[in-house]
Amino acid sequence: MAAVQRIRTARGEFARAAAMEWTRLASLRATWWCLGIGAAAMAVFAVLMGVSAADRLADDPASASGFSYARLTSQGVFYLLQFVVLTLAALIATGEYGSGGSAAALLAVPRRGRLLAARTAVTAGFAFAMGTAVTALGIGALRLVLGGGVPLDPGYAVRTVLGAGACMALFAAMAVGLGTALRGTAATIGTGLLLLLGIPMVLQLSGTEWLGDLAAAFPGFAGIELYASGDAGFYTAPHDGPVNAFTVLGWAAAALIAGYAELRARDA
C-alpha cells in the first residue's frame, strides 16, 4: 500500500508540475511569437524555393520525377525552424532565473527531478507539435507552388514531418537541459547555436575528411540526416539510420543530466 501511495503521489505531483509548466508556456507571448515566426519563415522559404525549383523544372521537365519535397523542406527546418525552437526552449528554461520565479516553482514542486521532467515534457511536446505543423506547412506550400506536375510521395512526406517533429522535441529537451545548467538565456542560445550549426560547419570547412565526419556526431547534422531520410542535399554524415537518432537522443540526455546535476547542486 505504501508503494502504491508513493506512486500516486508522484503522479499527482508530476501532473501538477506539468499543468503549471503548460500554463506558463501558454501564457508567454514569446511562445506564440516563436510559433508564428517559425511558420512564416518556413512558408516564405518554401515559396521562394518552390519558385526557383519551378523555373529549373520548366527548363528540364524530365527532372520533375526526381524532385524531392523532403530535401527542400528539411533544409528549411535545418536553417530556420530548429533555431526558433532553440530560442523558445531557452526562454522557457531560463526565464524564471531572471525573474526569481524559480524559488516559487520549487516551493510548488519540491522534487527537482520531477519539476525538470515536467518542464522537459511540456516544452518537448509543444516543440513536437510545432515541428510537425510547420514542416507540413512547408511541404504544402511547395505543393501549391509546384502543382500536381511534380509528384509527391505521401509516405516520404509523413516520415519527414514526423522526423522533424521528433528532432525538434529532442532539441527542445536539449535546450531545457542546457538552460537549467547554464541559467542564462544568451548562454543557452549561444551554446545551442554552436552545437547545432557552428562547430559542425567549422569542422566541415576544415577540409579534413575525419573532421568532416566528426561533424556528424553533433545534433544538428545528425538531426537533418534523420528527418531528411538521408536526402539532406549536402554532406552531413558517413552513416544514416538509427545512429543519427541515437546521436540526437544522446545529446538531449546529456544536457538534461547536466541540468539536473546543476539543479541539485545549487540553490534556486
C-alpha atoms as a PDB file:
ATOM      1  CA  MET A   1       0.000   0.000   0.000  1.00  0.00           C
ATOM      2  CA  ALA A   2       2.831   2.389   0.845  1.00  0.00           C
ATOM      3  CA  ALA A   3       4.414   1.826  -2.569  1.00  0.00           C
ATOM      4  CA  VAL A   4       1.089   2.407  -4.323  1.00  0.00           C
ATOM      5  CA  GLN A   5       0.580   5.591  -2.360  1.00  0.00           C
ATOM      6  CA  ARG A   6       4.051   6.835  -3.313  1.00  0.00           C
ATOM      7  CA  ILE A   7       3.323   6.167  -6.983  1.00  0.00           C
ATOM      8  CA  ARG A   8       0.032   8.059  -6.761  1.00  0.00           C
ATOM      9  CA  THR A   9       1.743  10.944  -5.014  1.00  0.00           C
ATOM     10  CA  ALA A  10       4.468  11.054  -7.662  1.00  0.00           C
ATOM     11  CA  ARG A  11       1.890  11.018 -10.472  1.00  0.00           C
ATOM     12  CA  GLY A  12      -0.111  13.780  -8.829  1.00  0.00           C
ATOM     13  CA  GLU A  13       2.955  15.941  -8.301  1.00  0.00           C
ATOM     14  CA  PHE A  14       4.119  15.401 -11.877  1.00  0.00           C
ATOM     15  CA  ALA A  15       0.659  16.257 -13.225  1.00  0.00           C
ATOM     16  CA  ARG A  16       0.588  19.402 -11.095  1.00  0.00           C
ATOM     17  CA  ALA A  17       4.050  20.385 -12.307  1.00  0.00           C
ATOM     18  CA  ALA A  18       3.107  19.714 -15.950  1.00  0.00           C
ATOM     19  CA  ALA A  19      -0.060  21.805 -15.618  1.00  0.00           C
ATOM     20  CA  MET A  20       1.956  24.625 -14.066  1.00  0.00           C
ATOM     21  CA  GLU A  21       4.544  24.460 -16.856  1.00  0.00           C
ATOM     22  CA  TRP A  22       1.894  24.400 -19.582  1.00  0.00           C
ATOM     23  CA  THR A  23       0.171  27.424 -18.051  1.00  0.00           C
ATOM     24  CA  ARG A  24       3.467  29.291 -18.008  1.00  0.00           C
ATOM     25  CA  LEU A  25       4.359  28.291 -21.584  1.00  0.00           C
ATOM     26  CA  ALA A  26       0.912  29.117 -22.973  1.00  0.00           C
ATOM     27  CA  SER A  27       0.736  32.470 -21.181  1.00  0.00           C
ATOM     28  CA  LEU A  28       4.021  33.749 -22.615  1.00  0.00           C
ATOM     29  CA  ARG A  29       3.628  35.902 -25.701  1.00  0.00           C
ATOM     30  CA  ALA A  30       7.080  34.731 -26.777  1.00  0.00           C
ATOM     31  CA  THR A  31       5.662  31.209 -27.253  1.00  0.00           C
ATOM     32  CA  TRP A  32       3.160  32.314 -29.866  1.00  0.00           C
ATOM     33  CA  TRP A  33       5.588  34.775 -31.435  1.00  0.00           C
ATOM     34  CA  CYS A  34       8.053  31.913 -31.925  1.00  0.00           C
ATOM     35  CA  LEU A  35       5.329  29.714 -33.423  1.00  0.00           C
ATOM     36  CA  GLY A  36       4.242  32.496 -35.782  1.00  0.00           C
ATOM     37  CA  ILE A  37       7.804  33.367 -36.791  1.00  0.00           C
ATOM     38  CA  GLY A  38       8.628  29.713 -37.420  1.00  0.00           C
ATOM     39  CA  ALA A  39       5.540  29.225 -39.590  1.00  0.00           C
ATOM     40  CA  ALA A  40       6.053  32.471 -41.525  1.00  0.00           C
ATOM     41  CA  ALA A  41       9.748  31.759 -42.109  1.00  0.00           C
ATOM     42  CA  MET A  42       9.018  28.260 -43.380  1.00  0.00           C
ATOM     43  CA  ALA A  43       6.219  29.472 -45.654  1.00  0.00           C
ATOM     44  CA  VAL A  44       8.427  32.175 -47.205  1.00  0.00           C
ATOM     45  CA  PHE A  45      11.332  29.739 -47.566  1.00  0.00           C
ATOM     46  CA  ALA A  46       9.113  27.121 -49.224  1.00  0.00           C
ATOM     47  CA  VAL A  47       7.570  29.608 -51.640  1.00  0.00           C
ATOM     48  CA  LEU A  48      10.955  31.039 -52.669  1.00  0.00           C
ATOM     49  CA  MET A  49      12.497  27.586 -53.092  1.00  0.00           C
ATOM     50  CA  GLY A  50       9.392  26.433 -54.932  1.00  0.00           C
ATOM     51  CA  VAL A  51       9.552  29.319 -57.408  1.00  0.00           C
ATOM     52  CA  SER A  52      13.253  28.644 -58.001  1.00  0.00           C
ATOM     53  CA  ALA A  53      12.594  24.929 -58.485  1.00  0.00           C
ATOM     54  CA  ALA A  54       9.688  25.659 -60.847  1.00  0.00           C
ATOM     55  CA  ASP A  55      11.990  27.705 -63.080  1.00  0.00           C
ATOM     56  CA  ARG A  56      14.517  24.866 -63.214  1.00  0.00           C
ATOM     57  CA  LEU A  57      11.834  22.283 -63.906  1.00  0.00           C
ATOM     58  CA  ALA A  58      10.402  24.428 -66.713  1.00  0.00           C
ATOM     59  CA  ASP A  59      13.762  24.200 -68.457  1.00  0.00           C
ATOM     60  CA  ASP A  60      14.037  20.451 -67.806  1.00  0.00           C
ATOM     61  CA  PRO A  61      10.577  18.892 -67.293  1.00  0.00           C
ATOM     62  CA  ALA A  62      12.024  15.366 -67.193  1.00  0.00           C
ATOM     63  CA  SER A  63      13.757  16.133 -63.892  1.00  0.00           C
ATOM     64  CA  ALA A  64      10.391  16.553 -62.126  1.00  0.00           C
ATOM     65  CA  SER A  65      10.321  12.858 -61.313  1.00  0.00           C
ATOM     66  CA  GLY A  66      13.463  13.247 -59.209  1.00  0.00           C
ATOM     67  CA  PHE A  67      12.356  16.337 -57.300  1.00  0.00           C
ATOM     68  CA  SER A  68      12.478  15.921 -53.507  1.00  0.00           C
ATOM     69  CA  TYR A  69       9.929  17.756 -51.350  1.00  0.00           C
ATOM     70  CA  ALA A  70      11.633  16.314 -48.285  1.00  0.00           C
ATOM     71  CA  ARG A  71      15.036  17.752 -49.199  1.00  0.00           C
ATOM     72  CA  LEU A  72      13.912  21.363 -49.541  1.00  0.00           C
ATOM     73  CA  THR A  73      11.578  21.230 -46.541  1.00  0.00           C
ATOM     74  CA  SER A  74      14.274  19.631 -44.381  1.00  0.00           C
ATOM     75  CA  GLN A  75      16.657  22.419 -45.306  1.00  0.00           C
ATOM     76  CA  GLY A  76      14.037  24.906 -44.119  1.00  0.00           C
ATOM     77  CA  VAL A  77      13.858  23.066 -40.793  1.00  0.00           C
ATOM     78  CA  PHE A  78      17.658  22.972 -40.547  1.00  0.00           C
ATOM     79  CA  TYR A  79      18.347  26.610 -41.403  1.00  0.00           C
ATOM     80  CA  LEU A  80      15.288  28.206 -39.768  1.00  0.00           C
ATOM     81  CA  LEU A  81      12.947  26.193 -37.590  1.00  0.00           C
ATOM     82  CA  GLN A  82      15.436  24.486 -35.297  1.00  0.00           C
ATOM     83  CA  PHE A  83      16.762  27.864 -34.139  1.00  0.00           C
ATOM     84  CA  VAL A  84      13.262  29.143 -33.383  1.00  0.00           C
ATOM     85  CA  VAL A  85      12.686  26.012 -31.269  1.00  0.00           C
ATOM     86  CA  LEU A  86      16.045  26.518 -29.548  1.00  0.00           C
ATOM     87  CA  THR A  87      15.149  30.120 -28.687  1.00  0.00           C
ATOM     88  CA  LEU A  88      11.739  29.190 -27.303  1.00  0.00           C
ATOM     89  CA  ALA A  89      13.056  26.330 -25.172  1.00  0.00           C
ATOM     90  CA  ALA A  90      15.895  28.506 -23.873  1.00  0.00           C
ATOM     91  CA  LEU A  91      13.399  31.172 -22.798  1.00  0.00           C
ATOM     92  CA  ILE A  92      11.242  28.579 -21.046  1.00  0.00           C
ATOM     93  CA  ALA A  93      14.233  27.039 -19.256  1.00  0.00           C
ATOM     94  CA  THR A  94      15.910  30.241 -18.105  1.00  0.00           C
ATOM     95  CA  GLY A  95      13.090  32.769 -17.737  1.00  0.00           C
ATOM     96  CA  GLU A  96      12.446  32.002 -14.072  1.00  0.00           C
ATOM     97  CA  TYR A  97      16.083  32.510 -13.083  1.00  0.00           C
ATOM     98  CA  GLY A  98      15.970  36.108 -14.258  1.00  0.00           C
ATOM     99  CA  SER A  99      12.618  36.893 -12.630  1.00  0.00           C
ATOM    100  CA  GLY A 100      13.169  34.988  -9.394  1.00  0.00           C
ATOM    101  CA  GLY A 101      10.271  32.658 -10.128  1.00  0.00           C
ATOM    102  CA  SER A 102      12.394  29.527  -9.762  1.00  0.00           C
ATOM    103  CA  ALA A 103      12.056  29.616  -5.970  1.00  0.00           C
ATOM    104  CA  ALA A 104       8.268  29.675  -6.231  1.00  0.00           C
ATOM    105  CA  ALA A 105       8.340  26.792  -8.722  1.00  0.00           C
ATOM    106  CA  LEU A 106      10.422  24.663  -6.351  1.00  0.00           C
ATOM    107  CA  LEU A 107       8.117  25.502  -3.455  1.00  0.00           C
ATOM    108  CA  ALA A 108       5.197  24.218  -5.513  1.00  0.00           C
ATOM    109  CA  VAL A 109       7.132  21.136  -6.693  1.00  0.00           C
ATOM    110  CA  PRO A 110       9.981  20.421  -4.249  1.00  0.00           C
ATOM    111  CA  ARG A 111      11.250  17.368  -6.163  1.00  0.00           C
ATOM    112  CA  ARG A 112      13.653  18.967  -8.601  1.00  0.00           C
ATOM    113  CA  GLY A 113      13.854  15.987 -10.894  1.00  0.00           C
ATOM    114  CA  ARG A 114      10.078  15.934 -11.179  1.00  0.00           C
ATOM    115  CA  LEU A 115       9.969  19.645 -11.965  1.00  0.00           C
ATOM    116  CA  LEU A 116      12.650  19.278 -14.649  1.00  0.00           C
ATOM    117  CA  ALA A 117      10.878  16.242 -16.120  1.00  0.00           C
ATOM    118  CA  ALA A 118       7.579  18.121 -16.329  1.00  0.00           C
ATOM    119  CA  ARG A 119       9.210  21.176 -17.890  1.00  0.00           C
ATOM    120  CA  THR A 120      11.001  18.994 -20.416  1.00  0.00           C
ATOM    121  CA  ALA A 121       7.875  17.012 -21.283  1.00  0.00           C
ATOM    122  CA  VAL A 122       5.715  20.109 -21.824  1.00  0.00           C
ATOM    123  CA  THR A 123       8.349  22.010 -23.824  1.00  0.00           C
ATOM    124  CA  ALA A 124       9.273  18.984 -25.936  1.00  0.00           C
ATOM    125  CA  GLY A 125       5.606  18.193 -26.563  1.00  0.00           C
ATOM    126  CA  PHE A 126       4.972  21.723 -27.795  1.00  0.00           C
ATOM    127  CA  ALA A 127       8.120  21.586 -29.944  1.00  0.00           C
ATOM    128  CA  PHE A 128       6.945  18.298 -31.482  1.00  0.00           C
ATOM    129  CA  ALA A 129       3.582  19.820 -32.398  1.00  0.00           C
ATOM    130  CA  MET A 130       5.295  22.926 -33.733  1.00  0.00           C
ATOM    131  CA  GLY A 131       7.817  20.908 -35.726  1.00  0.00           C
ATOM    132  CA  THR A 132       5.233  18.674 -37.373  1.00  0.00           C
ATOM    133  CA  ALA A 133       2.848  21.543 -38.159  1.00  0.00           C
ATOM    134  CA  VAL A 134       5.490  23.858 -39.623  1.00  0.00           C
ATOM    135  CA  THR A 135       7.135  21.075 -41.641  1.00  0.00           C
ATOM    136  CA  ALA A 136       3.757  20.041 -43.055  1.00  0.00           C
ATOM    137  CA  LEU A 137       3.146  23.710 -43.889  1.00  0.00           C
ATOM    138  CA  GLY A 138       6.427  23.804 -45.809  1.00  0.00           C
ATOM    139  CA  ILE A 139       5.552  20.731 -47.845  1.00  0.00           C
ATOM    140  CA  GLY A 140       2.058  22.129 -48.503  1.00  0.00           C
ATOM    141  CA  ALA A 141       3.446  25.470 -49.677  1.00  0.00           C
ATOM    142  CA  LEU A 142       5.860  23.722 -52.032  1.00  0.00           C
ATOM    143  CA  ARG A 143       2.989  21.639 -53.399  1.00  0.00           C
ATOM    144  CA  LEU A 144       0.891  24.748 -54.065  1.00  0.00           C
ATOM    145  CA  VAL A 145       3.729  26.467 -55.921  1.00  0.00           C
ATOM    146  CA  LEU A 146       4.808  23.441 -57.968  1.00  0.00           C
ATOM    147  CA  GLY A 147       1.372  21.978 -58.656  1.00  0.00           C
ATOM    148  CA  GLY A 148       0.406  18.415 -59.457  1.00  0.00           C
ATOM    149  CA  GLY A 149       3.018  18.023 -62.176  1.00  0.00           C
ATOM    150  CA  VAL A 150       5.696  17.294 -59.575  1.00  0.00           C
ATOM    151  CA  PRO A 151       4.938  14.002 -57.797  1.00  0.00           C
ATOM    152  CA  LEU A 152       4.745  13.895 -54.012  1.00  0.00           C
ATOM    153  CA  ASP A 153       5.342  10.628 -52.169  1.00  0.00           C
ATOM    154  CA  PRO A 154       2.901  10.724 -49.188  1.00  0.00           C
ATOM    155  CA  GLY A 155       4.889   8.161 -47.190  1.00  0.00           C
ATOM    156  CA  TYR A 156       8.113  10.110 -47.618  1.00  0.00           C
ATOM    157  CA  ALA A 157       6.333  13.321 -46.645  1.00  0.00           C
ATOM    158  CA  VAL A 158       4.910  11.741 -43.481  1.00  0.00           C
ATOM    159  CA  ARG A 159       8.353  10.467 -42.470  1.00  0.00           C
ATOM    160  CA  THR A 160       9.789  13.945 -42.961  1.00  0.00           C
ATOM    161  CA  VAL A 161       7.024  15.597 -40.930  1.00  0.00           C
ATOM    162  CA  LEU A 162       7.208  13.135 -38.030  1.00  0.00           C
ATOM    163  CA  GLY A 163      11.014  13.015 -38.109  1.00  0.00           C
ATOM    164  CA  ALA A 164      11.253  16.805 -37.948  1.00  0.00           C
ATOM    165  CA  GLY A 165       8.756  16.875 -35.081  1.00  0.00           C
ATOM    166  CA  ALA A 166      10.716  14.270 -33.142  1.00  0.00           C
ATOM    167  CA  CYS A 167      14.011  16.107 -33.683  1.00  0.00           C
ATOM    168  CA  MET A 168      12.505  19.445 -32.631  1.00  0.00           C
ATOM    169  CA  ALA A 169      11.238  17.765 -29.457  1.00  0.00           C
ATOM    170  CA  LEU A 170      14.719  16.410 -28.700  1.00  0.00           C
ATOM    171  CA  PHE A 171      16.346  19.762 -29.483  1.00  0.00           C
ATOM    172  CA  ALA A 172      13.881  21.435 -27.108  1.00  0.00           C
ATOM    173  CA  ALA A 173      14.745  18.899 -24.404  1.00  0.00           C
ATOM    174  CA  MET A 174      18.437  19.577 -25.014  1.00  0.00           C
ATOM    175  CA  ALA A 175      17.864  23.323 -24.690  1.00  0.00           C
ATOM    176  CA  VAL A 176      15.918  22.855 -21.449  1.00  0.00           C
ATOM    177  CA  GLY A 177      18.837  20.866 -20.049  1.00  0.00           C
ATOM    178  CA  LEU A 178      21.368  23.455 -21.216  1.00  0.00           C
ATOM    179  CA  GLY A 179      19.277  26.309 -19.862  1.00  0.00           C
ATOM    180  CA  THR A 180      18.899  24.629 -16.489  1.00  0.00           C
ATOM    181  CA  ALA A 181      22.648  24.099 -16.300  1.00  0.00           C
ATOM    182  CA  LEU A 182      23.761  27.500 -17.644  1.00  0.00           C
ATOM    183  CA  ARG A 183      20.890  29.590 -16.168  1.00  0.00           C
ATOM    184  CA  GLY A 184      21.227  32.293 -18.802  1.00  0.00           C
ATOM    185  CA  THR A 185      19.204  32.796 -21.991  1.00  0.00           C
ATOM    186  CA  ALA A 186      22.083  34.219 -24.034  1.00  0.00           C
ATOM    187  CA  ALA A 187      24.488  31.490 -22.900  1.00  0.00           C
ATOM    188  CA  THR A 188      21.937  28.776 -23.673  1.00  0.00           C
ATOM    189  CA  ILE A 189      21.117  30.095 -27.151  1.00  0.00           C
ATOM    190  CA  GLY A 190      24.798  30.667 -27.926  1.00  0.00           C
ATOM    191  CA  THR A 191      25.773  27.156 -26.851  1.00  0.00           C
ATOM    192  CA  GLY A 192      22.860  25.679 -28.782  1.00  0.00           C
ATOM    193  CA  LEU A 193      23.848  27.557 -31.948  1.00  0.00           C
ATOM    194  CA  LEU A 194      27.385  26.236 -31.673  1.00  0.00           C
ATOM    195  CA  LEU A 195      26.182  22.641 -31.230  1.00  0.00           C
ATOM    196  CA  LEU A 196      23.525  22.742 -33.943  1.00  0.00           C
ATOM    197  CA  LEU A 197      25.438  24.622 -36.625  1.00  0.00           C
ATOM    198  CA  GLY A 198      28.598  26.494 -35.638  1.00  0.00           C
ATOM    199  CA  ILE A 199      31.017  23.741 -34.620  1.00  0.00           C
ATOM    200  CA  PRO A 200      29.957  21.153 -37.244  1.00  0.00           C
ATOM    201  CA  MET A 201      30.169  23.763 -40.017  1.00  0.00           C
ATOM    202  CA  VAL A 202      33.705  24.714 -38.946  1.00  0.00           C
ATOM    203  CA  LEU A 203      34.680  21.037 -38.847  1.00  0.00           C
ATOM    204  CA  GLN A 204      33.444  20.549 -42.399  1.00  0.00           C
ATOM    205  CA  LEU A 205      35.071  23.758 -43.647  1.00  0.00           C
ATOM    206  CA  SER A 206      38.427  22.441 -42.403  1.00  0.00           C
ATOM    207  CA  GLY A 207      38.557  20.213 -45.485  1.00  0.00           C
ATOM    208  CA  THR A 208      39.896  17.295 -43.439  1.00  0.00           C
ATOM    209  CA  GLU A 209      37.900  14.120 -44.004  1.00  0.00           C
ATOM    210  CA  TRP A 210      37.889  12.828 -40.437  1.00  0.00           C
ATOM    211  CA  LEU A 211      36.938  16.259 -39.077  1.00  0.00           C
ATOM    212  CA  GLY A 212      34.113  16.447 -41.614  1.00  0.00           C
ATOM    213  CA  ASP A 213      32.893  13.048 -40.462  1.00  0.00           C
ATOM    214  CA  LEU A 214      33.149  14.186 -36.837  1.00  0.00           C
ATOM    215  CA  ALA A 215      30.586  16.897 -37.596  1.00  0.00           C
ATOM    216  CA  ALA A 216      28.011  14.089 -37.888  1.00  0.00           C
ATOM    217  CA  ALA A 217      28.393  13.490 -34.148  1.00  0.00           C
ATOM    218  CA  PHE A 218      26.754  16.867 -33.435  1.00  0.00           C
ATOM    219  CA  PRO A 219      22.974  17.106 -33.069  1.00  0.00           C
ATOM    220  CA  GLY A 220      22.191  19.492 -35.934  1.00  0.00           C
ATOM    221  CA  PHE A 221      23.773  17.390 -38.680  1.00  0.00           C
ATOM    222  CA  ALA A 222      22.569  14.115 -37.182  1.00  0.00           C
ATOM    223  CA  GLY A 223      19.084  15.605 -36.978  1.00  0.00           C
ATOM    224  CA  ILE A 224      18.750  16.645 -40.610  1.00  0.00           C
ATOM    225  CA  GLU A 225      20.165  13.305 -41.719  1.00  0.00           C
ATOM    226  CA  LEU A 226      17.357  11.733 -39.709  1.00  0.00           C
ATOM    227  CA  TYR A 227      14.331  13.775 -40.784  1.00  0.00           C
ATOM    228  CA  ALA A 228      15.522  14.113 -44.395  1.00  0.00           C
ATOM    229  CA  SER A 229      15.905  10.316 -44.525  1.00  0.00           C
ATOM    230  CA  GLY A 230      19.427  10.654 -45.906  1.00  0.00           C
ATOM    231  CA  ASP A 231      18.414  13.216 -48.556  1.00  0.00           C
ATOM    232  CA  ALA A 232      19.652  16.437 -46.945  1.00  0.00           C
ATOM    233  CA  GLY A 233      21.139  17.795 -50.170  1.00  0.00           C
ATOM    234  CA  PHE A 234      24.597  18.334 -48.675  1.00  0.00           C
ATOM    235  CA  TYR A 235      27.151  16.122 -46.980  1.00  0.00           C
ATOM    236  CA  THR A 236      26.300  15.514 -43.341  1.00  0.00           C
ATOM    237  CA  ALA A 237      27.420  12.039 -42.234  1.00  0.00           C
ATOM    238  CA  PRO A 238      29.153   8.844 -43.329  1.00  0.00           C
ATOM    239  CA  HIS A 239      26.224   6.858 -41.948  1.00  0.00           C
ATOM    240  CA  ASP A 240      22.451   7.010 -41.710  1.00  0.00           C
ATOM    241  CA  GLY A 241      19.559   5.312 -39.957  1.00  0.00           C
ATOM    242  CA  PRO A 242      19.345   4.649 -36.202  1.00  0.00           C
ATOM    243  CA  VAL A 243      22.839   6.032 -35.493  1.00  0.00           C
ATOM    244  CA  ASN A 244      21.568   9.565 -36.095  1.00  0.00           C
ATOM    245  CA  ALA A 245      18.528   9.037 -33.881  1.00  0.00           C
ATOM    246  CA  PHE A 246      20.714   7.820 -31.023  1.00  0.00           C
ATOM    247  CA  THR A 247      23.105  10.734 -31.575  1.00  0.00           C
ATOM    248  CA  VAL A 248      20.361  13.345 -31.143  1.00  0.00           C
ATOM    249  CA  LEU A 249      18.859  11.418 -28.230  1.00  0.00           C
ATOM    250  CA  GLY A 250      22.280  11.197 -26.573  1.00  0.00           C
ATOM    251  CA  TRP A 251      22.820  14.955 -26.750  1.00  0.00           C
ATOM    252  CA  ALA A 252      19.391  15.610 -25.257  1.00  0.00           C
ATOM    253  CA  ALA A 253      20.010  13.097 -22.454  1.00  0.00           C
ATOM    254  CA  ALA A 254      23.472  14.510 -21.703  1.00  0.00           C
ATOM    255  CA  ALA A 255      22.127  18.077 -21.496  1.00  0.00           C
ATOM    256  CA  LEU A 256      19.296  17.021 -19.182  1.00  0.00           C
ATOM    257  CA  ILE A 257      21.690  15.111 -16.924  1.00  0.00           C
ATOM    258  CA  ALA A 258      23.898  18.208 -16.697  1.00  0.00           C
ATOM    259  CA  GLY A 259      20.868  20.368 -15.970  1.00  0.00           C
ATOM    260  CA  TYR A 260      19.618  18.018 -13.268  1.00  0.00           C
ATOM    261  CA  ALA A 261      23.055  17.870 -11.640  1.00  0.00           C
ATOM    262  CA  GLU A 262      23.250  21.659 -11.548  1.00  0.00           C
ATOM    263  CA  LEU A 263      19.694  21.912 -10.218  1.00  0.00           C
ATOM    264  CA  ARG A 264      20.559  19.523  -7.411  1.00  0.00           C
ATOM    265  CA  ALA A 265      23.886  21.164  -6.606  1.00  0.00           C
ATOM    266  CA  ARG A 266      22.789  24.796  -6.436  1.00  0.00           C
ATOM    267  CA  ASP A 267      20.114  26.659  -4.550  1.00  0.00           C
ATOM    268  CA  ALA A 268      17.356  28.007  -6.748  1.00  0.00           C
END
